[in-house]
C-alpha atoms as a PDB file:
ATOM      1  CA  MET A   1      -0.073   0.037   0.004  1.00  0.00           C
ATOM      2  CA  SER A   2       0.993   3.556  -0.369  1.00  0.00           C
ATOM      3  CA  PHE A   3       2.603   5.071   2.522  1.00  0.00           C
ATOM      4  CA  ILE A   4       0.422   8.198   3.582  1.00  0.00           C
ATOM      5  CA  GLY A   5       1.934  11.008   5.613  1.00  0.00           C
ATOM      6  CA  THR A   6       2.879  14.820   5.860  1.00  0.00           C
ATOM      7  CA  HIS A   7       5.496  17.069   6.194  1.00  0.00           C
ATOM      8  CA  VAL A   8       6.282  17.744   9.889  1.00  0.00           C
ATOM      9  CA  SER A   9       8.328  20.187  11.761  1.00  0.00           C
ATOM     10  CA  ALA A  10      11.769  19.041  13.205  1.00  0.00           C
ATOM     11  CA  ALA A  11      11.794  22.055  15.390  1.00  0.00           C
ATOM     12  CA  GLY A  12      13.690  21.111  18.754  1.00  0.00           C
ATOM     13  CA  GLY A  13      15.627  18.414  17.069  1.00  0.00           C
ATOM     14  CA  VAL A  14      15.191  16.105  14.019  1.00  0.00           C
ATOM     15  CA  TRP A  15      13.880  13.347  16.107  1.00  0.00           C
ATOM     16  CA  GLN A  16      10.909  15.600  17.076  1.00  0.00           C
ATOM     17  CA  GLY A  17       9.653  15.115  13.422  1.00  0.00           C
ATOM     18  CA  ILE A  18       9.462  11.464  14.137  1.00  0.00           C
ATOM     19  CA  LYS A  19       7.443  12.122  17.193  1.00  0.00           C
ATOM     20  CA  ARG A  20       5.120  14.424  15.487  1.00  0.00           C
ATOM     21  CA  GLY A  21       4.509  12.030  12.614  1.00  0.00           C
ATOM     22  CA  GLU A  22       3.892   9.289  15.062  1.00  0.00           C
ATOM     23  CA  ALA A  23       1.386  11.330  16.857  1.00  0.00           C
ATOM     24  CA  LEU A  24      -0.551  11.697  13.636  1.00  0.00           C
ATOM     25  CA  ALA A  25      -0.264   8.025  12.746  1.00  0.00           C
ATOM     26  CA  CYS A  26       1.573   8.751   9.819  1.00  0.00           C
ATOM     27  CA  GLU A  27       3.382   5.819   7.750  1.00  0.00           C
ATOM     28  CA  SER A  28       5.688   8.233   6.182  1.00  0.00           C
ATOM     29  CA  VAL A  29       7.033  11.860   7.054  1.00  0.00           C
ATOM     30  CA  GLN A  30       8.913  14.654   5.297  1.00  0.00           C
ATOM     31  CA  ILE A  31      11.465  16.839   7.216  1.00  0.00           C
ATOM     32  CA  PHE A  32      13.840  19.521   6.998  1.00  0.00           C
ATOM     33  CA  THR A  33      17.017  18.336   8.619  1.00  0.00           C
ATOM     34  CA  ARG A  34      17.972  22.053   9.177  1.00  0.00           C
ATOM     35  CA  ASN A  35      16.524  25.531   8.876  1.00  0.00           C
ATOM     36  CA  GLN A  36      15.311  25.732   5.308  1.00  0.00           C
ATOM     37  CA  LEU A  37      15.811  29.460   4.850  1.00  0.00           C
ATOM     38  CA  GLN A  38      19.543  29.666   6.078  1.00  0.00           C
ATOM     39  CA  TRP A  39      22.719  28.868   4.555  1.00  0.00           C
ATOM     40  CA  ARG A  40      24.539  27.828   7.393  1.00  0.00           C
ATOM     41  CA  ALA A  41      23.650  24.693   9.622  1.00  0.00           C
ATOM     42  CA  ARG A  42      24.987  23.358  12.712  1.00  0.00           C
ATOM     43  CA  PRO A  43      26.283  19.879  12.219  1.00  0.00           C
ATOM     44  CA  LEU A  44      24.228  16.972  13.329  1.00  0.00           C
ATOM     45  CA  SER A  45      25.597  15.423  16.555  1.00  0.00           C
ATOM     46  CA  ALA A  46      26.021  11.922  17.331  1.00  0.00           C
ATOM     47  CA  SER A  47      23.504  12.255  19.909  1.00  0.00           C
ATOM     48  CA  ALA A  48      20.900  13.848  17.577  1.00  0.00           C
ATOM     49  CA  CYS A  49      21.386  10.972  15.081  1.00  0.00           C
ATOM     50  CA  GLU A  50      21.085   8.541  17.695  1.00  0.00           C
ATOM     51  CA  LYS A  51      17.622  10.034  19.103  1.00  0.00           C
ATOM     52  CA  PHE A  52      16.308  10.149  15.563  1.00  0.00           C
ATOM     53  CA  MET A  53      17.203   6.589  14.599  1.00  0.00           C
ATOM     54  CA  ARG A  54      15.866   5.306  18.036  1.00  0.00           C
ATOM     55  CA  ALA A  55      12.517   7.248  17.710  1.00  0.00           C
ATOM     56  CA  TRP A  56      12.182   6.058  14.050  1.00  0.00           C
ATOM     57  CA  SER A  57      12.906   2.366  14.696  1.00  0.00           C
ATOM     58  CA  SER A  58      10.260   2.344  17.403  1.00  0.00           C
ATOM     59  CA  SER A  59       7.576   4.196  15.557  1.00  0.00           C
ATOM     60  CA  PRO A  60       5.203   2.877  12.819  1.00  0.00           C
ATOM     61  CA  ILE A  61       6.678   5.225  10.233  1.00  0.00           C
ATOM     62  CA  ARG A  62       8.084   3.270   7.382  1.00  0.00           C
ATOM     63  CA  LYS A  63       9.566   6.014   5.086  1.00  0.00           C
ATOM     64  CA  VAL A  64      11.370   9.221   5.816  1.00  0.00           C
ATOM     65  CA  VAL A  65      11.966  11.836   3.080  1.00  0.00           C
ATOM     66  CA  ALA A  66      13.963  14.999   3.548  1.00  0.00           C
ATOM     67  CA  HIS A  67      13.472  18.258   1.626  1.00  0.00           C
ATOM     68  CA  ALA A  68      16.454  20.380   0.652  1.00  0.00           C
ATOM     69  CA  PRO A  69      16.567  23.889   1.837  1.00  0.00           C
ATOM     70  CA  TYR A  70      14.556  26.517  -0.390  1.00  0.00           C
ATOM     71  CA  LEU A  71      17.638  28.605  -0.865  1.00  0.00           C
ATOM     72  CA  LEU A  72      19.423  26.191  -3.036  1.00  0.00           C
ATOM     73  CA  ASN A  73      19.579  26.993  -6.747  1.00  0.00           C
ATOM     74  CA  LEU A  74      21.685  24.844  -9.049  1.00  0.00           C
ATOM     75  CA  ALA A  75      20.543  27.034 -11.997  1.00  0.00           C
ATOM     76  CA  ALA A  76      22.100  30.169 -10.532  1.00  0.00           C
ATOM     77  CA  GLU A  77      25.462  31.514 -11.221  1.00  0.00           C
ATOM     78  CA  GLY A  78      28.256  32.872  -9.132  1.00  0.00           C
ATOM     79  CA  ASP A  79      28.407  32.718  -5.304  1.00  0.00           C
ATOM     80  CA  THR A  80      24.658  31.541  -5.218  1.00  0.00           C
ATOM     81  CA  ARG A  81      25.673  28.475  -7.408  1.00  0.00           C
ATOM     82  CA  ASN A  82      28.810  27.527  -5.412  1.00  0.00           C
ATOM     83  CA  ARG A  83      26.824  27.800  -2.163  1.00  0.00           C
ATOM     84  CA  SER A  84      24.048  25.687  -3.359  1.00  0.00           C
ATOM     85  CA  ILE A  85      26.363  23.086  -4.744  1.00  0.00           C
ATOM     86  CA  MET A  86      28.232  22.919  -1.268  1.00  0.00           C
ATOM     87  CA  SER A  87      24.989  22.984   0.660  1.00  0.00           C
ATOM     88  CA  LEU A  88      23.319  20.291  -1.190  1.00  0.00           C
ATOM     89  CA  ALA A  89      26.349  17.950  -0.752  1.00  0.00           C
ATOM     90  CA  GLU A  90      26.125  18.853   2.920  1.00  0.00           C
ATOM     91  CA  GLU A  91      22.697  17.844   3.027  1.00  0.00           C
ATOM     92  CA  ILE A  92      23.225  14.489   1.461  1.00  0.00           C
ATOM     93  CA  GLN A  93      25.689  13.816   4.125  1.00  0.00           C
ATOM     94  CA  ARG A  94      23.162  14.709   6.851  1.00  0.00           C
ATOM     95  CA  CYS A  95      20.668  12.276   5.226  1.00  0.00           C
ATOM     96  CA  GLU A  96      23.437   9.649   5.241  1.00  0.00           C
ATOM     97  CA  GLN A  97      23.674  10.323   8.937  1.00  0.00           C
ATOM     98  CA  LEU A  98      20.221   9.897   9.536  1.00  0.00           C
ATOM     99  CA  GLY A  99      19.651   6.845   7.342  1.00  0.00           C
ATOM    100  CA  VAL A 100      17.374   8.860   4.943  1.00  0.00           C
ATOM    101  CA  ASP A 101      17.410   7.609   1.349  1.00  0.00           C
ATOM    102  CA  ASP A 102      15.481  10.314  -0.562  1.00  0.00           C
ATOM    103  CA  LEU A 103      16.150  14.068  -0.535  1.00  0.00           C
ATOM    104  CA  VAL A 104      13.722  16.227  -2.522  1.00  0.00           C
ATOM    105  CA  LEU A 105      15.001  19.128  -4.454  1.00  0.00           C
ATOM    106  CA  HIS A 106      13.551  22.081  -6.529  1.00  0.00           C
ATOM    107  CA  PRO A 107      15.432  21.969  -9.580  1.00  0.00           C
ATOM    108  CA  GLY A 108      15.997  25.810  -9.507  1.00  0.00           C
ATOM    109  CA  SER A 109      15.417  29.155 -11.234  1.00  0.00           C
ATOM    110  CA  HIS A 110      17.349  30.433 -14.222  1.00  0.00           C
ATOM    111  CA  LEU A 111      16.723  34.006 -13.033  1.00  0.00           C
ATOM    112  CA  GLY A 112      16.226  35.197 -16.526  1.00  0.00           C
ATOM    113  CA  HIS A 113      19.327  33.572 -18.081  1.00  0.00           C
ATOM    114  CA  GLY A 114      17.122  31.350 -20.320  1.00  0.00           C
ATOM    115  CA  GLU A 115      15.711  27.851 -19.677  1.00  0.00           C
ATOM    116  CA  GLU A 116      18.436  25.993 -21.728  1.00  0.00           C
ATOM    117  CA  THR A 117      21.248  27.625 -19.839  1.00  0.00           C
ATOM    118  CA  GLY A 118      19.426  26.946 -16.560  1.00  0.00           C
ATOM    119  CA  ARG A 119      19.095  23.295 -17.493  1.00  0.00           C
ATOM    120  CA  GLU A 120      22.811  22.940 -18.373  1.00  0.00           C
ATOM    121  CA  LEU A 121      23.725  24.554 -14.875  1.00  0.00           C
ATOM    122  CA  VAL A 122      21.378  22.130 -13.098  1.00  0.00           C
ATOM    123  CA  VAL A 123      23.076  19.154 -14.812  1.00  0.00           C
ATOM    124  CA  SER A 124      26.568  20.314 -14.144  1.00  0.00           C
ATOM    125  CA  GLY A 125      25.711  21.024 -10.524  1.00  0.00           C
ATOM    126  CA  LEU A 126      24.019  17.674  -9.876  1.00  0.00           C
ATOM    127  CA  LYS A 127      27.038  15.925 -11.414  1.00  0.00           C
ATOM    128  CA  GLN A 128      29.290  17.778  -9.064  1.00  0.00           C
ATOM    129  CA  VAL A 129      27.182  16.990  -5.798  1.00  0.00           C
ATOM    130  CA  ILE A 130      27.057  13.324  -6.972  1.00  0.00           C
ATOM    131  CA  SER A 131      30.655  13.217  -7.422  1.00  0.00           C
ATOM    132  CA  ARG A 132      31.314  14.891  -4.083  1.00  0.00           C
ATOM    133  CA  THR A 133      29.201  12.596  -2.111  1.00  0.00           C
ATOM    134  CA  ASP A 134      29.978   9.223  -3.705  1.00  0.00           C
ATOM    135  CA  PRO A 135      29.445   6.425  -2.511  1.00  0.00           C
ATOM    136  CA  SER A 136      26.267   7.854  -0.770  1.00  0.00           C
ATOM    137  CA  ARG A 137      23.025   5.990  -1.223  1.00  0.00           C
ATOM    138  CA  THR A 138      20.810   9.034  -0.817  1.00  0.00           C
ATOM    139  CA  ARG A 139      18.869   9.904  -4.135  1.00  0.00           C
ATOM    140  CA  ILE A 140      18.151  13.277  -5.182  1.00  0.00           C
ATOM    141  CA  LEU A 141      14.510  13.570  -6.044  1.00  0.00           C
ATOM    142  CA  LEU A 142      13.811  16.403  -8.653  1.00  0.00           C
ATOM    143  CA  GLU A 143      10.437  17.920  -7.830  1.00  0.00           C
ATOM    144  CA  THR A 144       7.943  18.868 -10.574  1.00  0.00           C
ATOM    145  CA  MET A 145       7.399  22.673 -10.394  1.00  0.00           C
ATOM    146  CA  SER A 146       4.337  24.951 -11.113  1.00  0.00           C
ATOM    147  CA  GLY A 147       6.394  27.008 -13.682  1.00  0.00           C
ATOM    148  CA  GLN A 148       5.997  30.190 -11.678  1.00  0.00           C
ATOM    149  CA  GLY A 149       8.513  32.911 -12.581  1.00  0.00           C
ATOM    150  CA  HIS A 150      11.759  31.448 -13.879  1.00  0.00           C
ATOM    151  CA  THR A 151      11.563  28.101 -12.096  1.00  0.00           C
ATOM    152  CA  LEU A 152      12.540  25.096 -14.089  1.00  0.00           C
ATOM    153  CA  GLY A 153      10.955  21.555 -14.023  1.00  0.00           C
ATOM    154  CA  SER A 154       7.296  22.429 -14.977  1.00  0.00           C
ATOM    155  CA  THR A 155       7.173  19.709 -17.466  1.00  0.00           C
ATOM    156  CA  LEU A 156       7.964  16.003 -17.197  1.00  0.00           C
ATOM    157  CA  GLU A 157       9.921  16.240 -20.302  1.00  0.00           C
ATOM    158  CA  GLU A 158      12.227  18.863 -18.898  1.00  0.00           C
ATOM    159  CA  LEU A 159      12.774  16.664 -15.694  1.00  0.00           C
ATOM    160  CA  ALA A 160      13.568  13.755 -17.837  1.00  0.00           C
ATOM    161  CA  TRP A 161      16.167  15.688 -20.001  1.00  0.00           C
ATOM    162  CA  ILE A 162      17.924  16.690 -16.666  1.00  0.00           C
ATOM    163  CA  PHE A 163      17.708  13.055 -15.540  1.00  0.00           C
ATOM    164  CA  ASP A 164      19.261  11.552 -18.748  1.00  0.00           C
ATOM    165  CA  GLU A 165      21.938  14.138 -18.969  1.00  0.00           C
ATOM    166  CA  VAL A 166      23.144  13.451 -15.455  1.00  0.00           C
ATOM    167  CA  ASP A 167      23.082   9.758 -16.325  1.00  0.00           C
ATOM    168  CA  CYS A 168      23.169   8.355 -12.775  1.00  0.00           C
ATOM    169  CA  SER A 169      19.840   6.703 -12.016  1.00  0.00           C
ATOM    170  CA  SER A 170      21.184   5.087  -8.770  1.00  0.00           C
ATOM    171  CA  ARG A 171      21.436   8.701  -7.323  1.00  0.00           C
ATOM    172  CA  LEU A 172      18.560  10.387  -8.887  1.00  0.00           C
ATOM    173  CA  GLY A 173      14.700  10.065  -8.639  1.00  0.00           C
ATOM    174  CA  ILE A 174      11.513  12.186  -9.256  1.00  0.00           C
ATOM    175  CA  CYS A 175       9.004  13.717  -6.760  1.00  0.00           C
ATOM    176  CA  LEU A 176       5.695  14.361  -8.391  1.00  0.00           C
ATOM    177  CA  ASP A 177       3.688  17.408  -6.740  1.00  0.00           C
ATOM    178  CA  THR A 178       0.073  17.227  -7.618  1.00  0.00           C
ATOM    179  CA  CYS A 179      -0.529  21.023  -7.215  1.00  0.00           C
ATOM    180  CA  HIS A 180       2.553  21.893  -9.249  1.00  0.00           C
ATOM    181  CA  LEU A 181       1.676  19.606 -12.046  1.00  0.00           C
ATOM    182  CA  PHE A 182      -1.819  20.796 -12.095  1.00  0.00           C
ATOM    183  CA  ALA A 183      -0.690  24.664 -12.124  1.00  0.00           C
ATOM    184  CA  GLY A 184       1.989  23.712 -14.739  1.00  0.00           C
ATOM    185  CA  GLY A 185      -0.708  22.686 -17.261  1.00  0.00           C
ATOM    186  CA  TYR A 186      -1.308  18.970 -16.615  1.00  0.00           C
ATOM    187  CA  GLU A 187      -5.098  17.991 -16.530  1.00  0.00           C
ATOM    188  CA  LEU A 188      -5.383  15.800 -13.630  1.00  0.00           C
ATOM    189  CA  ARG A 189      -8.956  15.397 -13.163  1.00  0.00           C
ATOM    190  CA  GLY A 190     -10.433  12.013 -13.798  1.00  0.00           C
ATOM    191  CA  ARG A 191      -8.903   8.655 -14.013  1.00  0.00           C
ATOM    192  CA  VAL A 192      -8.169   8.983 -17.668  1.00  0.00           C
ATOM    193  CA  SER A 193      -6.068  11.930 -17.051  1.00  0.00           C
ATOM    194  CA  TYR A 194      -4.218  10.175 -14.124  1.00  0.00           C
ATOM    195  CA  GLU A 195      -3.535   7.183 -16.302  1.00  0.00           C
ATOM    196  CA  ARG A 196      -2.085   9.593 -19.021  1.00  0.00           C
ATOM    197  CA  LEU A 197       0.157  11.042 -16.435  1.00  0.00           C
ATOM    198  CA  CYS A 198       1.493   7.681 -15.275  1.00  0.00           C
ATOM    199  CA  SER A 199       2.034   6.457 -18.777  1.00  0.00           C
ATOM    200  CA  ALA A 200       4.068   9.772 -19.541  1.00  0.00           C
ATOM    201  CA  ALA A 201       6.131   9.361 -16.328  1.00  0.00           C
ATOM    202  CA  ASP A 202       6.839   5.717 -17.231  1.00  0.00           C
ATOM    203  CA  ARG A 203       7.861   6.549 -20.786  1.00  0.00           C
ATOM    204  CA  LEU A 204      10.069   9.498 -19.858  1.00  0.00           C
ATOM    205  CA  PHE A 205      11.941   8.201 -16.846  1.00  0.00           C
ATOM    206  CA  GLY A 206      10.547   4.980 -15.831  1.00  0.00           C
ATOM    207  CA  ILE A 207       7.669   4.523 -13.050  1.00  0.00           C
ATOM    208  CA  ASP A 208      10.057   3.070 -10.606  1.00  0.00           C
ATOM    209  CA  ASN A 209      12.092   6.221 -10.416  1.00  0.00           C
ATOM    210  CA  VAL A 210       9.114   8.145  -9.110  1.00  0.00           C
ATOM    211  CA  ARG A 211      10.042   7.793  -5.313  1.00  0.00           C
ATOM    212  CA  CYS A 212       7.728  10.177  -3.762  1.00  0.00           C
ATOM    213  CA  TRP A 213       4.296  12.049  -4.272  1.00  0.00           C
ATOM    214  CA  HIS A 214       3.535  15.461  -2.696  1.00  0.00           C
ATOM    215  CA  LEU A 215      -0.250  15.442  -2.334  1.00  0.00           C
ATOM    216  CA  ASN A 216      -1.763  18.989  -2.685  1.00  0.00           C
ATOM    217  CA  ASP A 217      -4.874  20.245  -4.161  1.00  0.00           C
ATOM    218  CA  SER A 218      -4.636  23.707  -5.928  1.00  0.00           C
ATOM    219  CA  LYS A 219      -6.253  27.007  -5.058  1.00  0.00           C
ATOM    220  CA  LYS A 220      -5.640  28.263  -8.559  1.00  0.00           C
ATOM    221  CA  GLY A 221      -6.957  26.585 -11.841  1.00  0.00           C
ATOM    222  CA  LEU A 222      -5.349  24.482 -14.537  1.00  0.00           C
ATOM    223  CA  GLY A 223      -2.271  26.161 -16.027  1.00  0.00           C
ATOM    224  CA  SER A 224      -2.142  29.067 -13.775  1.00  0.00           C
ATOM    225  CA  ARG A 225       1.444  28.505 -13.117  1.00  0.00           C
ATOM    226  CA  LEU A 226       0.879  29.613  -9.468  1.00  0.00           C
ATOM    227  CA  ASP A 227       2.108  27.460  -6.637  1.00  0.00           C
ATOM    228  CA  ARG A 228      -0.920  27.657  -4.186  1.00  0.00           C
ATOM    229  CA  HIS A 229      -1.572  24.516  -2.071  1.00  0.00           C
ATOM    230  CA  GLN A 230      -4.994  23.836  -0.795  1.00  0.00           C
ATOM    231  CA  HIS A 231      -6.668  21.113   1.280  1.00  0.00           C
ATOM    232  CA  ILE A 232      -7.517  17.749  -0.419  1.00  0.00           C
ATOM    233  CA  GLY A 233     -10.767  18.021  -2.246  1.00  0.00           C
ATOM    234  CA  GLU A 234     -11.156  21.678  -1.526  1.00  0.00           C
ATOM    235  CA  GLY A 235      -9.363  23.071  -4.519  1.00  0.00           C
ATOM    236  CA  MET A 236      -9.623  22.916  -8.333  1.00  0.00           C
ATOM    237  CA  ILE A 237      -8.362  19.406  -8.637  1.00  0.00           C
ATOM    238  CA  GLY A 238     -10.942  17.748  -6.561  1.00  0.00           C
ATOM    239  CA  VAL A 239     -10.685  14.217  -4.831  1.00  0.00           C
ATOM    240  CA  GLU A 240     -10.741  11.717  -7.554  1.00  0.00           C
ATOM    241  CA  LEU A 241      -6.991  12.160  -8.464  1.00  0.00           C
ATOM    242  CA  PHE A 242      -5.964  11.589  -4.778  1.00  0.00           C
ATOM    243  CA  SER A 243      -8.124   8.390  -4.618  1.00  0.00           C
ATOM    244  CA  CYS A 244      -6.501   7.000  -7.783  1.00  0.00           C
ATOM    245  CA  ILE A 245      -3.029   7.592  -6.275  1.00  0.00           C
ATOM    246  CA  VAL A 246      -3.296   6.277  -2.825  1.00  0.00           C
ATOM    247  CA  SER A 247      -5.182   3.075  -3.872  1.00  0.00           C
ATOM    248  CA  ASP A 248      -2.859   2.379  -6.873  1.00  0.00           C
ATOM    249  CA  PRO A 249      -0.647  -0.651  -6.148  1.00  0.00           C
ATOM    250  CA  ARG A 250       1.918   0.911  -8.530  1.00  0.00           C
ATOM    251  CA  TRP A 251       2.657   3.150  -5.442  1.00  0.00           C
ATOM    252  CA  ASN A 252       3.115   0.440  -2.779  1.00  0.00           C
ATOM    253  CA  SER A 253       5.652   1.561  -0.303  1.00  0.00           C
ATOM    254  CA  THR A 254       5.886   4.855  -2.083  1.00  0.00           C
ATOM    255  CA  PRO A 255       5.703   7.916   0.356  1.00  0.00           C
ATOM    256  CA  CYS A 256       2.582  10.084  -0.424  1.00  0.00           C
ATOM    257  CA  ILE A 257       3.322  13.375   1.622  1.00  0.00           C
ATOM    258  CA  LEU A 258       0.833  16.088   2.240  1.00  0.00           C
ATOM    259  CA  GLU A 259       2.015  19.640   2.003  1.00  0.00           C
ATOM    260  CA  THR A 260      -1.476  21.125   2.612  1.00  0.00           C
ATOM    261  CA  PRO A 261      -2.227  24.199   4.828  1.00  0.00           C
ATOM    262  CA  LYS A 262      -2.047  23.757   8.503  1.00  0.00           C
ATOM    263  CA  GLU A 263      -5.167  25.616   9.231  1.00  0.00           C
ATOM    264  CA  GLY A 264      -8.677  24.458   8.875  1.00  0.00           C
ATOM    265  CA  PRO A 265      -9.044  20.588   8.415  1.00  0.00           C
ATOM    266  CA  GLY A 266      -5.236  20.598   9.116  1.00  0.00           C
ATOM    267  CA  ASP A 267      -3.078  17.530   8.642  1.00  0.00           C
ATOM    268  CA  GLU A 268      -5.533  15.335  10.738  1.00  0.00           C
ATOM    269  CA  GLY A 269      -8.369  16.008   8.463  1.00  0.00           C
ATOM    270  CA  ASN A 270      -6.486  15.517   5.306  1.00  0.00           C
ATOM    271  CA  LEU A 271      -4.732  12.411   6.497  1.00  0.00           C
ATOM    272  CA  ALA A 272      -8.148  10.980   7.515  1.00  0.00           C
ATOM    273  CA  LEU A 273      -9.584  11.541   3.940  1.00  0.00           C
ATOM    274  CA  LEU A 274      -6.475   9.976   2.201  1.00  0.00           C
ATOM    275  CA  ARG A 275      -6.902   6.891   4.542  1.00  0.00           C
ATOM    276  CA  LYS A 276     -10.537   6.654   3.738  1.00  0.00           C
ATOM    277  CA  MET A 277      -9.890   6.941   0.084  1.00  0.00           C
ATOM    278  CA  ARG A 278      -7.320   4.106   0.343  1.00  0.00           C
ATOM    279  CA  GLY A 279      -9.858   1.965   2.187  1.00  0.00           C
ATOM    280  CA  PHE A 280      -7.908   1.866   5.566  1.00  0.00           C
END
């Protein structure tokens, strides 16, 4: 079965993310291993790693996914690029310390230099990071984006091009974000549209390389290119897509992570709805 969960805060120590996920009866969680809005991060202590592993091993949580800091931009140039490469390599090392196999990354923004230049910079940056962190087992999951501003990765084809050019499938994967896909122009309403998306993903980079879903409804319409998450079933996508995903045996053991708003139904309401859709 799919592993339903949500993004949880790791404030107070990375192990607190496990405890918060357990309190919500999550089967998977996503965390930041550090402050996502700062370049510098305090190294993980042996004690913090031990507490994290002990909490995880005694919980019902099956999968933990990390998310890279938002500041990282491999499509940038100059100092931002250099700091992004260094920070991403450090983040992979942090994941290794925690036993986390998958790290979600926004591909980046070309900042007006053009998509082709941006893609080439991302490929070069990923190659450098992978080389620096060999022989790590942590995979970098390229996340689908909405196409807002100069962001890269709003099409499966663009992510597939990056994936192929890096040519290291043991260290790369894909994270499909439903809100981002819909805002980027992918019709997701109805089973036919869902199957079309899965077929495209399988053709472009292989269904097995989709290692995480971000489940978010969208406040804005199809093709809006605006990244505005909404509670499941309360946005422009509706409920059928999410039922298709969490009940699909192709996603057995795949983390299906909520990034929905915390107010209103909150995590509890959204998680309960997904469990109901899955059947248990």
